[in-house]
Protein backbone atom coordinates (compact mmCIF):
# COMPACT_ATOMS: atom_id res chain seq x y z
CA MET A 1 5.39 -19.76 0.31
CA GLN A 2 6.74 -16.64 2.03
CA VAL A 3 5.01 -13.27 2.34
CA PRO A 4 5.97 -11.25 -0.77
CA THR A 5 8.39 -8.52 0.26
CA ILE A 6 8.86 -5.24 -1.63
CA GLY A 7 12.15 -3.45 -0.99
CA PHE A 8 13.16 0.15 -1.56
CA ASN A 9 14.24 0.80 -5.15
CA TYR A 10 17.34 3.01 -5.01
CA GLU A 11 17.59 3.16 -8.80
CA LYS A 12 14.18 4.83 -9.06
CA SER A 13 15.00 7.27 -6.26
CA ASN A 14 18.35 8.21 -7.83
CA ASP A 15 20.15 6.67 -4.85
CA ALA A 16 18.20 8.83 -2.39
CA GLU A 17 16.48 7.44 0.70
CA LEU A 18 13.14 9.07 -0.17
CA GLU A 19 10.92 8.85 -3.24
CA ILE A 20 7.60 10.49 -4.22
CA PHE A 21 5.47 9.27 -7.12
CA ASP A 22 1.88 9.32 -8.38
CA LEU A 23 -0.46 6.72 -6.93
CA GLU A 24 -1.89 6.17 -10.41
CA THR A 25 1.42 4.75 -11.63
CA LEU A 26 1.00 1.84 -9.23
CA ALA A 27 -2.43 1.03 -10.67
CA GLN A 28 -0.91 0.94 -14.16
CA ARG A 29 2.12 -1.17 -13.18
CA ASP A 30 2.82 -4.54 -14.80
CA VAL A 31 1.45 -7.07 -12.32
CA SER A 32 3.06 -10.18 -13.80
CA ALA A 33 5.42 -10.39 -10.80
CA HIS A 34 3.10 -9.10 -8.10
CA SER A 35 0.02 -6.89 -7.99
CA PRO A 36 0.03 -3.98 -5.49
CA GLN A 37 -3.59 -4.94 -4.77
CA ASN A 38 -2.44 -8.25 -3.27
CA PRO A 39 -0.93 -8.47 0.24
CA HIS A 40 2.78 -7.72 0.41
CA ARG A 41 5.29 -6.68 3.06
CA ILE A 42 7.35 -3.49 2.68
CA THR A 43 10.83 -2.85 4.08
CA PHE A 44 10.37 0.95 4.17
CA PHE A 45 7.91 3.51 5.54
CA MET A 46 5.08 4.78 3.36
CA MET A 47 2.50 7.56 3.37
CA VAL A 48 -0.26 7.65 0.73
CA PHE A 49 -2.01 10.99 0.22
CA ILE A 50 -5.42 10.50 -1.42
CA GLU A 51 -6.31 13.57 -3.48
CA ARG A 52 -9.30 12.00 -5.26
CA GLY A 53 -11.30 8.79 -4.97
CA GLN A 54 -12.17 6.37 -2.24
CA GLY A 55 -11.68 2.74 -1.31
CA VAL A 56 -10.49 0.40 1.42
CA HIS A 57 -6.81 -0.08 2.26
CA MET A 58 -5.81 -3.34 3.95
CA VAL A 59 -3.10 -3.08 6.61
CA ASP A 60 -2.15 -6.26 8.48
CA PHE A 61 -5.44 -7.94 7.49
CA LYS A 62 -7.70 -5.19 8.75
CA SER A 63 -9.55 -3.01 6.23
CA TYR A 64 -9.59 0.77 6.62
CA PRO A 65 -11.83 2.97 4.42
CA PHE A 66 -10.29 6.06 2.86
CA GLU A 67 -11.60 9.03 0.86
CA SER A 68 -10.37 12.26 -0.70
CA GLY A 69 -8.14 14.06 1.79
CA SER A 70 -7.02 10.88 3.57
CA ILE A 71 -3.44 10.04 4.45
CA ILE A 72 -2.64 6.35 4.91
CA PHE A 73 0.37 5.44 7.05
CA VAL A 74 2.12 2.09 6.57
CA ARG A 75 5.21 1.22 8.60
CA ARG A 76 8.13 -0.93 7.52
CA GLU A 77 7.56 -4.70 7.82
CA GLN A 78 3.78 -4.29 7.73
CA VAL A 79 1.74 -6.26 5.20
CA HIS A 80 -0.71 -4.16 3.20
CA ALA A 81 -2.65 -4.06 -0.07
CA PHE A 82 -3.87 -1.18 -2.25
CA ASP A 83 -7.43 -0.81 -3.55
CA PHE A 84 -7.70 0.75 -7.01
CA SER A 85 -11.37 -0.12 -7.60
CA GLY A 86 -12.44 3.49 -6.92
CA ASN A 87 -9.68 4.93 -9.17
CA PRO A 88 -7.92 6.85 -6.37
CA ALA A 89 -5.39 9.52 -7.31
CA GLY A 90 -2.72 11.12 -5.20
CA LYS A 91 0.88 10.83 -4.10
CA VAL A 92 2.89 8.02 -2.53
CA ILE A 93 5.80 8.99 -0.28
CA ILE A 94 8.22 6.23 0.65
CA PHE A 95 11.36 6.55 2.76
CA THR A 96 13.84 4.34 4.54
CA GLN A 97 14.99 3.98 8.15
CA ALA A 98 18.32 5.45 7.00
CA PHE A 99 16.49 8.61 5.88
CA LEU A 100 14.79 8.90 9.29
CA ASP A 101 18.14 8.39 11.01
CA GLN A 102 19.56 11.29 8.97
CA VAL A 103 16.58 13.48 9.89
CA HIS A 104 16.91 12.69 13.60
CA ALA A 105 20.62 13.48 13.48
CA ASN A 106 19.95 16.95 12.06
CA MET A 107 16.65 18.13 13.53
CA ARG A 108 13.81 17.45 15.92
CA LEU A 109 11.28 14.91 14.72
CA PRO A 110 9.32 12.41 16.86
CA ASN A 111 10.49 8.83 16.49
CA TYR A 112 8.33 6.31 14.65
CA THR A 113 7.18 4.00 17.42
CA PRO A 114 5.24 0.74 16.92
CA THR A 115 1.81 2.23 17.66
CA HIS A 116 0.45 0.06 14.81
CA LEU A 117 0.45 -2.90 17.20
CA ASN A 118 -2.53 -1.32 18.95
CA GLN A 119 -5.46 -2.39 16.77
CA ALA A 120 -7.56 0.48 18.16
CA ARG A 121 -5.35 2.91 16.24
CA SER A 122 -6.23 3.59 12.61
CA PRO A 123 -3.49 4.12 10.01
CA VAL A 124 -5.81 6.51 8.14
CA LEU A 125 -5.98 10.23 8.92
CA LEU A 126 -8.67 12.38 7.26
CA LEU A 127 -7.51 15.96 6.70
CA ASP A 128 -9.79 18.99 6.68
CA GLU A 129 -9.76 21.25 3.62
CA SER A 130 -7.14 23.63 4.99
CA SER A 131 -4.78 20.85 6.07
CA CYS A 132 -5.35 19.12 2.74
CA GLN A 133 -4.15 22.18 0.83
CA SER A 134 -1.14 22.49 3.13
CA ALA A 135 -0.28 18.83 2.58
CA LYS A 136 -0.46 19.24 -1.21
CA SER A 137 1.83 22.28 -1.09
CA MET A 138 4.38 20.64 1.19
CA ILE A 139 4.51 17.45 -0.87
CA GLU A 140 5.01 19.50 -4.04
CA GLU A 141 7.89 21.38 -2.42
CA VAL A 142 9.58 18.12 -1.37
CA LEU A 143 9.02 16.71 -4.87
CA LYS A 144 10.55 19.81 -6.47
CA GLU A 145 13.67 19.59 -4.34
CA VAL A 146 14.23 15.83 -4.77
CA SER A 147 13.80 16.29 -8.53
CA ARG A 148 16.57 18.89 -8.80
CA GLU A 149 19.80 17.76 -10.40
CA ARG A 150 21.73 19.34 -7.53
CA ARG A 151 19.27 18.71 -4.73
CA ASP A 152 20.21 19.63 -1.18
CA PRO A 153 19.55 16.71 1.21
CA LEU A 154 19.22 19.11 4.14
CA ILE A 155 16.44 21.06 2.39
CA VAL A 156 14.66 17.78 1.63
CA MET A 157 14.89 16.83 5.30
CA TYR A 158 13.60 20.20 6.53
CA LEU A 159 10.65 20.08 4.11
CA PHE A 160 9.85 16.49 5.06
CA CYS A 161 10.15 17.34 8.74
CA SER A 162 7.67 20.22 8.35
CA PHE A 163 5.20 17.92 6.61
CA SER A 164 5.59 15.18 9.23
CA LEU A 165 5.23 17.58 12.16
CA MET A 166 2.02 18.99 10.67
CA LEU A 167 0.58 15.47 10.43
CA HIS A 168 1.86 14.65 13.92
CA ARG A 169 -0.06 17.63 15.33
CA LEU A 170 -3.23 16.28 13.72
CA ARG A 171 -2.79 12.85 15.34
CA PRO A 172 -2.95 13.46 19.11
CA GLU A 173 -3.13 9.71 19.72
CA GLU A 174 0.44 9.37 18.45
CA ARG A 175 2.17 9.85 21.78
CA HIS A 176 5.86 9.77 20.84
CA ASP A 177 6.47 13.12 22.54
CA LEU A 178 5.79 11.59 25.95
CA LEU A 179 9.00 9.55 25.70
CA SER A 180 12.37 10.90 26.75
CA GLN A 181 15.34 10.25 24.48
CA GLU A 182 16.50 7.45 26.79
CA GLN A 183 13.04 5.87 26.74
CA SER A 184 12.88 6.14 22.94
CA VAL A 185 16.19 4.30 22.64
CA LYS A 186 15.00 1.54 25.00
CA LEU A 187 11.74 1.15 23.07
CA ALA A 188 13.61 0.97 19.76
CA ASN A 189 16.00 -1.64 21.19
CA PHE A 190 13.07 -3.67 22.52
CA PHE A 191 11.31 -3.60 19.16
CA ASP A 192 14.50 -4.52 17.28
CA LEU A 193 14.99 -7.52 19.60
CA LEU A 194 11.35 -8.50 19.23
CA GLN A 195 11.62 -8.61 15.44
CA VAL A 196 14.50 -11.08 15.72
CA ASN A 197 13.32 -13.28 18.59
CA TYR A 198 9.50 -13.26 18.43
CA GLU A 199 9.19 -16.87 17.22
CA ARG A 200 10.77 -18.38 20.31
CA ILE A 201 10.65 -15.75 23.07
CA ARG A 202 7.43 -14.16 24.30
CA ASP A 203 8.66 -13.35 27.82
CA ALA A 204 8.67 -9.59 28.51
CA ASN A 205 11.10 -10.07 31.40
CA TRP A 206 13.68 -11.54 29.00
CA TYR A 207 13.45 -8.52 26.69
CA ALA A 208 13.70 -6.09 29.60
CA THR A 209 16.89 -7.80 30.80
CA GLN A 210 18.40 -7.78 27.31
CA ILE A 211 18.00 -4.01 26.95
CA GLY A 212 19.32 -3.33 30.44
CA THR A 213 16.12 -2.32 32.21
CA THR A 214 13.42 -3.75 34.45
CA TYR A 215 10.08 -5.28 33.50
CA LYS A 216 8.30 -2.39 35.26
CA THR A 217 10.27 0.26 33.36
CA LEU A 218 9.72 -1.46 30.01
CA ASN A 219 6.00 -1.61 30.74
CA ILE A 220 5.89 2.11 31.51
CA ILE A 221 7.67 2.92 28.24
CA CYS A 222 5.40 0.68 26.18
CA LYS A 223 2.25 2.09 27.77
CA LEU A 224 3.38 5.67 27.11
CA ALA A 225 4.14 4.93 23.46
CA THR A 226 1.36 2.54 22.47
CA ASP A 227 -1.16 2.19 25.32
CA LEU A 228 -0.12 -1.47 25.45
CA THR A 229 1.95 -3.33 28.03
CA ALA A 230 5.19 -4.99 26.93
CA LYS A 231 3.46 -8.38 26.94
CA GLN A 232 0.54 -7.02 24.92
CA MET A 233 3.01 -5.60 22.38
CA ILE A 234 4.75 -8.96 22.11
CA ASP A 235 1.46 -10.82 21.66
CA ALA A 236 0.22 -8.28 19.10
CA PHE A 237 3.42 -8.56 17.07
CA VAL A 238 3.40 -12.37 17.22
CA THR A 239 -0.29 -12.56 16.27
CA ILE A 240 0.18 -10.29 13.26
CA GLU A 241 3.00 -12.51 12.00
CA MET A 242 0.86 -15.61 12.52
CA LYS A 243 -1.93 -13.99 10.50
CA ARG A 244 0.53 -13.21 7.70
CA ARG A 245 1.69 -16.81 7.50
CA LEU A 246 -1.86 -18.19 7.63
CA VAL A 247 -3.18 -15.99 4.84
CA VAL A 248 -0.29 -14.94 2.62
CA GLY A 249 2.03 -17.87 3.22
CA ARG A 250 -0.77 -20.47 3.42
CA VAL A 251 1.27 -22.18 6.14
CA ALA A 252 -0.38 -25.15 7.87
CA THR A 253 -1.41 -24.87 11.52
CA GLN A 254 0.97 -27.66 12.56
CA GLN A 255 3.93 -25.90 10.91
CA ILE A 256 3.14 -22.56 12.55
CA ALA A 257 2.86 -24.30 15.92
CA PHE A 258 6.35 -25.74 15.35
CA ASP A 259 7.79 -22.44 14.06
CA PHE A 260 6.60 -20.58 17.16
CA GLY A 261 7.75 -23.19 19.66
CA PHE A 262 4.38 -24.52 20.80
CA GLU A 263 4.36 -28.06 22.18
CA ASP A 264 1.56 -29.03 19.84
CA ALA A 265 -0.99 -27.54 17.43
CA SER A 266 -3.74 -27.39 20.05
CA ASN A 267 -1.68 -24.99 22.20
CA PHE A 268 -1.12 -22.76 19.17
CA VAL A 269 -4.85 -22.77 18.35
CA LYS A 270 -5.64 -21.85 21.95
CA TYR A 271 -3.12 -18.97 21.90
CA PHE A 272 -4.37 -17.66 18.54
CA LYS A 273 -8.03 -17.85 19.61
CA ASN A 274 -7.24 -16.04 22.84
CA GLN A 275 -5.68 -13.19 20.84
CA THR A 276 -8.21 -12.99 18.00
CA GLN A 277 -11.43 -14.61 19.27
CA MET A 278 -11.33 -17.05 16.34
CA THR A 279 -9.45 -20.18 15.38
CA PRO A 280 -6.69 -20.12 12.71
CA SER A 281 -8.98 -21.90 10.24
CA GLN A 282 -11.81 -19.42 10.86
CA PHE A 283 -9.38 -16.57 10.25
CA GLN A 284 -8.10 -18.15 7.02
CA LYS A 285 -11.62 -18.55 5.66
CA GLN A 286 -12.07 -14.77 5.76
CA PHE A 287 -9.34 -14.47 3.13
CA GLU A 288 -10.01 -17.50 0.92
CA ASN A 289 -10.29 -15.29 -2.18
CA VAL A 290 -7.00 -13.46 -1.65
CA GLN A 291 -4.83 -13.87 -4.76
CA LEU A 292 -1.03 -13.99 -4.57
């Protein structure tokens, strides 16, 4: 069984690359195909603004508490699950890489770098009352413009950019601004290569060569962006994917060992335990009650 993947629905967004809707509509959705409260992978970026309620949002098998005034950030290709037990209300903003590319082509906005690989970073930001009111107003303005019959994509981008920059200012640990444009491109190329080759290649030197740089330079870029070395980024990415297959895919240890090019299952178990301080079976037991 593969990790359930939810793609961007262009029909709902009227062929736009950005959509805003009420969080409550997800809780009321027909779950015959898949419940939003069960783990699933998304192919787009998402921000959830919690206006009322509280709960725990799971992102890549780590639980993060949220409350009124929280903003939850989920990046494309991450596995996450909603929690509707506390009847949260708010807005969900989803957008594609194509939308971000359009924004970057027209205005200044920090790139989305893979800071989520650093487990010390939380995807939840708690806003103060003033910032909360500003967020509500900005989201409403974006929603108004995208709802117009003759909406102006440039206005949507400027409004979204203002909202994102406000949140960026409130997250000093997001260090995208430390990267030059050339470094940002190299990091993006590295991450793109990693997403294609992670099963078989965990050698940081190989990735550095492929993007036309040195191991030392790649390390500097990765440390600036994520506080992780290139090798730590690779291991973090690989480990997250292993966790996804263990829990959501229910893949056997022997199969994962084969998929990731380990000589035998014992080497895979050793690698996984070194990264997580627990064996694959111990990790699986934590999620025995997860429904798919």
